[in-house]
Structures are given as C-alpha cells and as structure tokens.
Amino acid sequence: VPTDAKPGHYLGTIAIRPEKGKASSFTVRLEVLP
C-alpha cells in the first residue's frame, strides 16, 4: 500500500486466463486504515 493511499475500501479484479477453456474472474477487497 503506497504511503499516500487514501483510507477506505478498495476493490480489485483477479482475472484467470487459461490457455484452454473460458476465462473467469473474481473480486478482492482491501481496506486501508487512516
């Protein structure tokens, strides 16, 4: 977490991209405290 990151909740996407088959994704959540 950068030192200047604003406090609050952050959401990010993790994309899974296989060589064979369909891609998929899910969300992760991060809380930065003040």
ModelCIF file with pLDDT and N, C-alpha, C, O atoms, coordinates in Angstrom:
data_MODEL
#
_entry.id   MODEL 
#
_entity.id                         1 
_entity.type                       polymer 
_entity.pdbx_number_of_molecules   1 
#
_entity_poly.entity_id                      1 
_entity_poly.type                           'polypeptide(L)' 
_entity_poly.nstd_linkage                   no 
_entity_poly.nstd_monomer                   no 
_entity_poly.pdbx_seq_one_letter_code       VPTDAKPGHYLGTIAIRPEKGKASSFTVRLEVLP 
_entity_poly.pdbx_seq_one_letter_code_can   VPTDAKPGHYLGTIAIRPEKGKASSFTVRLEVLP 
_entity_poly.pdbx_strand_id                 A 
#
loop_
_entity_poly_seq.entity_id 
_entity_poly_seq.num 
_entity_poly_seq.mon_id 
_entity_poly_seq.hetero 
1 1  VAL n 
1 2  PRO n 
1 3  THR n 
1 4  ASP n 
1 5  ALA n 
1 6  LYS n 
1 7  PRO n 
1 8  GLY n 
1 9  HIS n 
1 10 TYR n 
1 11 LEU n 
1 12 GLY n 
1 13 THR n 
1 14 ILE n 
1 15 ALA n 
1 16 ILE n 
1 17 ARG n 
1 18 PRO n 
1 19 GLU n 
1 20 LYS n 
1 21 GLY n 
1 22 LYS n 
1 23 ALA n 
1 24 SER n 
1 25 SER n 
1 26 PHE n 
1 27 THR n 
1 28 VAL n 
1 29 ARG n 
1 30 LEU n 
1 31 GLU n 
1 32 VAL n 
1 33 LEU n 
1 34 PRO n 
#
_struct_asym.id          A 
_struct_asym.entity_id   1 
#
loop_
_ma_qa_metric.id 
_ma_qa_metric.mode 
_ma_qa_metric.name 
_ma_qa_metric.software_group_id 
_ma_qa_metric.type 
1 global pLDDT . pLDDT 
2 local  pLDDT . pLDDT 
#
_ma_qa_metric_global.metric_id      1 
_ma_qa_metric_global.metric_value   95.24 
_ma_qa_metric_global.model_id       1 
_ma_qa_metric_global.ordinal_id     1 
#
loop_
_ma_qa_metric_local.label_asym_id 
_ma_qa_metric_local.label_comp_id 
_ma_qa_metric_local.label_seq_id 
_ma_qa_metric_local.metric_id 
_ma_qa_metric_local.metric_value 
_ma_qa_metric_local.model_id 
_ma_qa_metric_local.ordinal_id 
A VAL 1  2 94.00 1 1  
A PRO 2  2 92.00 1 2  
A THR 3  2 89.00 1 3  
A ASP 4  2 91.00 1 4  
A ALA 5  2 95.00 1 5  
A LYS 6  2 95.00 1 6  
A PRO 7  2 96.00 1 7  
A GLY 8  2 96.00 1 8  
A HIS 9  2 97.00 1 9  
A TYR 10 2 98.00 1 10 
A LEU 11 2 97.00 1 11 
A GLY 12 2 96.00 1 12 
A THR 13 2 96.00 1 13 
A ILE 14 2 97.00 1 14 
A ALA 15 2 97.00 1 15 
A ILE 16 2 97.00 1 16 
A ARG 17 2 97.00 1 17 
A PRO 18 2 97.00 1 18 
A GLU 19 2 96.00 1 19 
A LYS 20 2 95.00 1 20 
A GLY 21 2 91.00 1 21 
A LYS 22 2 93.00 1 22 
A ALA 23 2 95.00 1 23 
A SER 24 2 95.00 1 24 
A SER 25 2 96.00 1 25 
A PHE 26 2 96.00 1 26 
A THR 27 2 96.00 1 27 
A VAL 28 2 94.00 1 28 
A ARG 29 2 95.00 1 29 
A LEU 30 2 96.00 1 30 
A GLU 31 2 96.00 1 31 
A VAL 32 2 96.00 1 32 
A LEU 33 2 96.00 1 33 
A PRO 34 2 95.00 1 34 
#
loop_
_atom_site.group_PDB 
_atom_site.id 
_atom_site.type_symbol 
_atom_site.label_atom_id 
_atom_site.label_alt_id 
_atom_site.label_comp_id 
_atom_site.label_asym_id 
_atom_site.label_entity_id 
_atom_site.label_seq_id 
_atom_site.pdbx_PDB_ins_code 
_atom_site.Cartn_x 
_atom_site.Cartn_y 
_atom_site.Cartn_z 
_atom_site.occupancy 
_atom_site.B_iso_or_equiv 
_atom_site.pdbx_formal_charge 
_atom_site.auth_seq_id 
_atom_site.auth_comp_id 
_atom_site.auth_asym_id 
_atom_site.auth_atom_id 
_atom_site.pdbx_PDB_model_num 
ATOM 1   N N  . VAL A 1 1  ? 0.847   -1.191  0.000   1.00 94.00 ? 1  VAL A N  1 
ATOM 2   C CA . VAL A 1 1  ? 0.000   0.000   0.000   1.00 94.00 ? 1  VAL A CA 1 
ATOM 3   C C  . VAL A 1 1  ? 0.888   1.248   0.000   1.00 94.00 ? 1  VAL A C  1 
ATOM 4   O O  . VAL A 1 1  ? 1.701   1.416   0.909   1.00 94.00 ? 1  VAL A O  1 
ATOM 5   N N  . PRO A 1 2  ? 0.751   2.113   -0.985  1.00 92.00 ? 2  PRO A N  1 
ATOM 6   C CA . PRO A 1 2  ? 1.558   3.344   -1.006  1.00 92.00 ? 2  PRO A CA 1 
ATOM 7   C C  . PRO A 1 2  ? 1.301   4.195   0.232   1.00 92.00 ? 2  PRO A C  1 
ATOM 8   O O  . PRO A 1 2  ? 0.198   4.188   0.778   1.00 92.00 ? 2  PRO A O  1 
ATOM 9   N N  . THR A 1 3  ? 2.308   4.919   0.667   1.00 89.00 ? 3  THR A N  1 
ATOM 10  C CA . THR A 1 3  ? 2.170   5.722   1.887   1.00 89.00 ? 3  THR A CA 1 
ATOM 11  C C  . THR A 1 3  ? 1.130   6.830   1.734   1.00 89.00 ? 3  THR A C  1 
ATOM 12  O O  . THR A 1 3  ? 0.575   7.305   2.725   1.00 89.00 ? 3  THR A O  1 
ATOM 13  N N  . ASP A 1 4  ? 0.868   7.239   0.497   1.00 91.00 ? 4  ASP A N  1 
ATOM 14  C CA . ASP A 1 4  ? -0.105  8.315   0.288   1.00 91.00 ? 4  ASP A CA 1 
ATOM 15  C C  . ASP A 1 4  ? -1.481  7.796   -0.110  1.00 91.00 ? 4  ASP A C  1 
ATOM 16  O O  . ASP A 1 4  ? -2.325  8.572   -0.560  1.00 91.00 ? 4  ASP A O  1 
ATOM 17  N N  . ALA A 1 5  ? -1.723  6.487   0.049   1.00 95.00 ? 5  ALA A N  1 
ATOM 18  C CA . ALA A 1 5  ? -3.029  5.919   -0.318  1.00 95.00 ? 5  ALA A CA 1 
ATOM 19  C C  . ALA A 1 5  ? -4.121  6.471   0.597   1.00 95.00 ? 5  ALA A C  1 
ATOM 20  O O  . ALA A 1 5  ? -3.932  6.560   1.810   1.00 95.00 ? 5  ALA A O  1 
ATOM 21  N N  . LYS A 1 6  ? -5.260  6.842   0.018   1.00 95.00 ? 6  LYS A N  1 
ATOM 22  C CA . LYS A 1 6  ? -6.378  7.361   0.793   1.00 95.00 ? 6  LYS A CA 1 
ATOM 23  C C  . LYS A 1 6  ? -7.016  6.227   1.600   1.00 95.00 ? 6  LYS A C  1 
ATOM 24  O O  . LYS A 1 6  ? -7.159  5.111   1.100   1.00 95.00 ? 6  LYS A O  1 
ATOM 25  N N  . PRO A 1 7  ? -7.397  6.513   2.845   1.00 96.00 ? 7  PRO A N  1 
ATOM 26  C CA . PRO A 1 7  ? -8.094  5.491   3.632   1.00 96.00 ? 7  PRO A CA 1 
ATOM 27  C C  . PRO A 1 7  ? -9.423  5.125   2.996   1.00 96.00 ? 7  PRO A C  1 
ATOM 28  O O  . PRO A 1 7  ? -10.046 5.947   2.324   1.00 96.00 ? 7  PRO A O  1 
ATOM 29  N N  . GLY A 1 8  ? -9.851  3.898   3.207   1.00 96.00 ? 8  GLY A N  1 
ATOM 30  C CA . GLY A 1 8  ? -11.127 3.444   2.667   1.00 96.00 ? 8  GLY A CA 1 
ATOM 31  C C  . GLY A 1 8  ? -11.034 2.047   2.095   1.00 96.00 ? 8  GLY A C  1 
ATOM 32  O O  . GLY A 1 8  ? -10.011 1.374   2.221   1.00 96.00 ? 8  GLY A O  1 
ATOM 33  N N  . HIS A 1 9  ? -12.116 1.619   1.462   1.00 97.00 ? 9  HIS A N  1 
ATOM 34  C CA . HIS A 1 9  ? -12.197 0.287   0.887   1.00 97.00 ? 9  HIS A CA 1 
ATOM 35  C C  . HIS A 1 9  ? -11.842 0.328   -0.603  1.00 97.00 ? 9  HIS A C  1 
ATOM 36  O O  . HIS A 1 9  ? -12.272 1.219   -1.336  1.00 97.00 ? 9  HIS A O  1 
ATOM 37  N N  . TYR A 1 10 ? -11.056 -0.646  -1.026  1.00 98.00 ? 10 TYR A N  1 
ATOM 38  C CA . TYR A 1 10 ? -10.630 -0.761  -2.410  1.00 98.00 ? 10 TYR A CA 1 
ATOM 39  C C  . TYR A 1 10 ? -11.065 -2.120  -2.966  1.00 98.00 ? 10 TYR A C  1 
ATOM 40  O O  . TYR A 1 10 ? -11.046 -3.127  -2.258  1.00 98.00 ? 10 TYR A O  1 
ATOM 41  N N  . LEU A 1 11 ? -11.450 -2.132  -4.224  1.00 97.00 ? 11 LEU A N  1 
ATOM 42  C CA . LEU A 1 11 ? -11.848 -3.367  -4.903  1.00 97.00 ? 11 LEU A CA 1 
ATOM 43  C C  . LEU A 1 11 ? -10.952 -3.589  -6.108  1.00 97.00 ? 11 LEU A C  1 
ATOM 44  O O  . LEU A 1 11 ? -10.631 -2.654  -6.842  1.00 97.00 ? 11 LEU A O  1 
ATOM 45  N N  . GLY A 1 12 ? -10.555 -4.830  -6.300  1.00 96.00 ? 12 GLY A N  1 
ATOM 46  C CA . GLY A 1 12 ? -9.736  -5.182  -7.451  1.00 96.00 ? 12 GLY A CA 1 
ATOM 47  C C  . GLY A 1 12 ? -10.209 -6.474  -8.079  1.00 96.00 ? 12 GLY A C  1 
ATOM 48  O O  . GLY A 1 12 ? -10.836 -7.302  -7.418  1.00 96.00 ? 12 GLY A O  1 
ATOM 49  N N  . THR A 1 13 ? -9.911  -6.647  -9.347  1.00 96.00 ? 13 THR A N  1 
ATOM 50  C CA . THR A 1 13 ? -10.333 -7.834  -10.084 1.00 96.00 ? 13 THR A CA 1 
ATOM 51  C C  . THR A 1 13 ? -9.143  -8.725  -10.399 1.00 96.00 ? 13 THR A C  1 
ATOM 52  O O  . THR A 1 13 ? -8.113  -8.256  -10.883 1.00 96.00 ? 13 THR A O  1 
ATOM 53  N N  . ILE A 1 14 ? -9.294  -10.010 -10.120 1.00 97.00 ? 14 ILE A N  1 
ATOM 54  C CA . ILE A 1 14 ? -8.295  -11.025 -10.468 1.00 97.00 ? 14 ILE A CA 1 
ATOM 55  C C  . ILE A 1 14 ? -8.850  -11.803 -11.655 1.00 97.00 ? 14 ILE A C  1 
ATOM 56  O O  . ILE A 1 14 ? -9.883  -12.461 -11.538 1.00 97.00 ? 14 ILE A O  1 
ATOM 57  N N  . ALA A 1 15 ? -8.177  -11.732 -12.785 1.00 97.00 ? 15 ALA A N  1 
ATOM 58  C CA . ALA A 1 15 ? -8.628  -12.424 -13.997 1.00 97.00 ? 15 ALA A CA 1 
ATOM 59  C C  . ALA A 1 15 ? -7.817  -13.700 -14.194 1.00 97.00 ? 15 ALA A C  1 
ATOM 60  O O  . ALA A 1 15 ? -6.587  -13.674 -14.162 1.00 97.00 ? 15 ALA A O  1 
ATOM 61  N N  . ILE A 1 16 ? -8.509  -14.806 -14.397 1.00 97.00 ? 16 ILE A N  1 
ATOM 62  C CA . ILE A 1 16 ? -7.873  -16.101 -14.631 1.00 97.00 ? 16 ILE A CA 1 
ATOM 63  C C  . ILE A 1 16 ? -8.031  -16.422 -16.117 1.00 97.00 ? 16 ILE A C  1 
ATOM 64  O O  . ILE A 1 16 ? -9.147  -16.632 -16.591 1.00 97.00 ? 16 ILE A O  1 
ATOM 65  N N  . ARG A 1 17 ? -6.925  -16.460 -16.849 1.00 97.00 ? 17 ARG A N  1 
ATOM 66  C CA . ARG A 1 17 ? -6.960  -16.647 -18.293 1.00 97.00 ? 17 ARG A CA 1 
ATOM 67  C C  . ARG A 1 17 ? -6.203  -17.922 -18.668 1.00 97.00 ? 17 ARG A C  1 
ATOM 68  O O  . ARG A 1 17 ? -4.976  -17.914 -18.764 1.00 97.00 ? 17 ARG A O  1 
ATOM 69  N N  . PRO A 1 18 ? -6.949  -19.031 -18.883 1.00 97.00 ? 18 PRO A N  1 
ATOM 70  C CA . PRO A 1 18 ? -6.296  -20.298 -19.220 1.00 97.00 ? 18 PRO A CA 1 
ATOM 71  C C  . PRO A 1 18 ? -5.966  -20.388 -20.709 1.00 97.00 ? 18 PRO A C  1 
ATOM 72  O O  . PRO A 1 18 ? -6.591  -19.736 -21.544 1.00 97.00 ? 18 PRO A O  1 
ATOM 73  N N  . GLU A 1 19 ? -4.989  -21.196 -21.007 1.00 96.00 ? 19 GLU A N  1 
ATOM 74  C CA . GLU A 1 19 ? -4.646  -21.473 -22.403 1.00 96.00 ? 19 GLU A CA 1 
ATOM 75  C C  . GLU A 1 19 ? -5.793  -22.182 -23.103 1.00 96.00 ? 19 GLU A C  1 
ATOM 76  O O  . GLU A 1 19 ? -6.039  -21.953 -24.287 1.00 96.00 ? 19 GLU A O  1 
ATOM 77  N N  . LYS A 1 20 ? -6.497  -23.045 -22.371 1.00 95.00 ? 20 LYS A N  1 
ATOM 78  C CA . LYS A 1 20 ? -7.649  -23.780 -22.903 1.00 95.00 ? 20 LYS A CA 1 
ATOM 79  C C  . LYS A 1 20 ? -8.847  -23.520 -21.998 1.00 95.00 ? 20 LYS A C  1 
ATOM 80  O O  . LYS A 1 20 ? -8.707  -23.505 -20.775 1.00 95.00 ? 20 LYS A O  1 
ATOM 81  N N  . GLY A 1 21 ? -10.018 -23.316 -22.585 1.00 91.00 ? 21 GLY A N  1 
ATOM 82  C CA . GLY A 1 21 ? -11.213 -23.081 -21.790 1.00 91.00 ? 21 GLY A CA 1 
ATOM 83  C C  . GLY A 1 21 ? -11.505 -21.602 -21.606 1.00 91.00 ? 21 GLY A C  1 
ATOM 84  O O  . GLY A 1 21 ? -10.798 -20.744 -22.134 1.00 91.00 ? 21 GLY A O  1 
ATOM 85  N N  . LYS A 1 22 ? -12.566 -21.317 -20.842 1.00 93.00 ? 22 LYS A N  1 
ATOM 86  C CA . LYS A 1 22 ? -13.048 -19.955 -20.661 1.00 93.00 ? 22 LYS A CA 1 
ATOM 87  C C  . LYS A 1 22 ? -12.274 -19.211 -19.575 1.00 93.00 ? 22 LYS A C  1 
ATOM 88  O O  . LYS A 1 22 ? -11.808 -19.793 -18.595 1.00 93.00 ? 22 LYS A O  1 
ATOM 89  N N  . ALA A 1 23 ? -12.159 -17.918 -19.786 1.00 95.00 ? 23 ALA A N  1 
ATOM 90  C CA . ALA A 1 23 ? -11.582 -17.059 -18.751 1.00 95.00 ? 23 ALA A CA 1 
ATOM 91  C C  . ALA A 1 23 ? -12.623 -16.797 -17.671 1.00 95.00 ? 23 ALA A C  1 
ATOM 92  O O  . ALA A 1 23 ? -13.824 -16.912 -17.916 1.00 95.00 ? 23 ALA A O  1 
ATOM 93  N N  . SER A 1 24 ? -12.161 -16.447 -16.485 1.00 95.00 ? 24 SER A N  1 
ATOM 94  C CA . SER A 1 24 ? -13.053 -16.126 -15.378 1.00 95.00 ? 24 SER A CA 1 
ATOM 95  C C  . SER A 1 24 ? -12.382 -15.065 -14.519 1.00 95.00 ? 24 SER A C  1 
ATOM 96  O O  . SER A 1 24 ? -11.224 -14.713 -14.744 1.00 95.00 ? 24 SER A O  1 
ATOM 97  N N  . SER A 1 25 ? -13.108 -14.561 -13.543 1.00 96.00 ? 25 SER A N  1 
ATOM 98  C CA . SER A 1 25 ? -12.541 -13.530 -12.677 1.00 96.00 ? 25 SER A CA 1 
ATOM 99  C C  . SER A 1 25 ? -13.266 -13.522 -11.342 1.00 96.00 ? 25 SER A C  1 
ATOM 100 O O  . SER A 1 25 ? -14.354 -14.083 -11.209 1.00 96.00 ? 25 SER A O  1 
ATOM 101 N N  . PHE A 1 26 ? -12.661 -12.891 -10.370 1.00 96.00 ? 26 PHE A N  1 
ATOM 102 C CA . PHE A 1 26 ? -13.309 -12.671 -9.079  1.00 96.00 ? 26 PHE A CA 1 
ATOM 103 C C  . PHE A 1 26 ? -12.745 -11.383 -8.481  1.00 96.00 ? 26 PHE A C  1 
ATOM 104 O O  . PHE A 1 26 ? -11.746 -10.849 -8.963  1.00 96.00 ? 26 PHE A O  1 
ATOM 105 N N  . THR A 1 27 ? -13.394 -10.893 -7.429  1.00 96.00 ? 27 THR A N  1 
ATOM 106 C CA . THR A 1 27 ? -13.059 -9.600  -6.841  1.00 96.00 ? 27 THR A CA 1 
ATOM 107 C C  . THR A 1 27 ? -12.427 -9.779  -5.467  1.00 96.00 ? 27 THR A C  1 
ATOM 108 O O  . THR A 1 27 ? -12.846 -10.627 -4.678  1.00 96.00 ? 27 THR A O  1 
ATOM 109 N N  . VAL A 1 28 ? -11.428 -8.977  -5.202  1.00 94.00 ? 28 VAL A N  1 
ATOM 110 C CA . VAL A 1 28 ? -10.824 -8.947  -3.872  1.00 94.00 ? 28 VAL A CA 1 
ATOM 111 C C  . VAL A 1 28 ? -11.049 -7.570  -3.265  1.00 94.00 ? 28 VAL A C  1 
ATOM 112 O O  . VAL A 1 28 ? -11.180 -6.574  -3.977  1.00 94.00 ? 28 VAL A O  1 
ATOM 113 N N  . ARG A 1 29 ? -11.091 -7.530  -1.936  1.00 95.00 ? 29 ARG A N  1 
ATOM 114 C CA . ARG A 1 29 ? -11.380 -6.282  -1.233  1.00 95.00 ? 29 ARG A CA 1 
ATOM 115 C C  . ARG A 1 29 ? -10.240 -5.973  -0.264  1.00 95.00 ? 29 ARG A C  1 
ATOM 116 O O  . ARG A 1 29 ? -9.731  -6.864  0.417   1.00 95.00 ? 29 ARG A O  1 
ATOM 117 N N  . LEU A 1 30 ? -9.853  -4.721  -0.213  1.00 96.00 ? 30 LEU A N  1 
ATOM 118 C CA . LEU A 1 30 ? -8.767  -4.275  0.658   1.00 96.00 ? 30 LEU A CA 1 
ATOM 119 C C  . LEU A 1 30 ? -9.215  -3.027  1.393   1.00 96.00 ? 30 LEU A C  1 
ATOM 120 O O  . LEU A 1 30 ? -9.790  -2.119  0.792   1.00 96.00 ? 30 LEU A O  1 
ATOM 121 N N  . GLU A 1 31 ? -8.953  -2.978  2.695   1.00 96.00 ? 31 GLU A N  1 
ATOM 122 C CA . GLU A 1 31 ? -9.260  -1.786  3.479   1.00 96.00 ? 31 GLU A CA 1 
ATOM 123 C C  . GLU A 1 31 ? -7.967  -1.115  3.912   1.00 96.00 ? 31 GLU A C  1 
ATOM 124 O O  . GLU A 1 31 ? -7.090  -1.755  4.492   1.00 96.00 ? 31 GLU A O  1 
ATOM 125 N N  . VAL A 1 32 ? -7.855  0.180   3.628   1.00 96.00 ? 32 VAL A N  1 
ATOM 126 C CA . VAL A 1 32 ? -6.715  0.983   4.052   1.00 96.00 ? 32 VAL A CA 1 
ATOM 127 C C  . VAL A 1 32 ? -7.154  1.820   5.241   1.00 96.00 ? 32 VAL A C  1 
ATOM 128 O O  . VAL A 1 32 ? -8.117  2.581   5.149   1.00 96.00 ? 32 VAL A O  1 
ATOM 129 N N  . LEU A 1 33 ? -6.443  1.679   6.368   1.00 96.00 ? 33 LEU A N  1 
ATOM 130 C CA . LEU A 1 33 ? -6.801  2.399   7.587   1.00 96.00 ? 33 LEU A CA 1 
ATOM 131 C C  . LEU A 1 33 ? -6.126  3.767   7.639   1.00 96.00 ? 33 LEU A C  1 
ATOM 132 O O  . LEU A 1 33 ? -5.065  3.959   7.044   1.00 96.00 ? 33 LEU A O  1 
ATOM 133 N N  . PRO A 1 34 ? -6.731  4.711   8.342   1.00 95.00 ? 34 PRO A N  1 
ATOM 134 C CA . PRO A 1 34 ? -6.138  6.055   8.458   1.00 95.00 ? 34 PRO A CA 1 
ATOM 135 C C  . PRO A 1 34 ? -5.060  6.093   9.545   1.00 95.00 ? 34 PRO A C  1 
ATOM 136 O O  . PRO A 1 34 ? -4.457  7.140   9.780   1.00 95.00 ? 34 PRO A O  1 
#
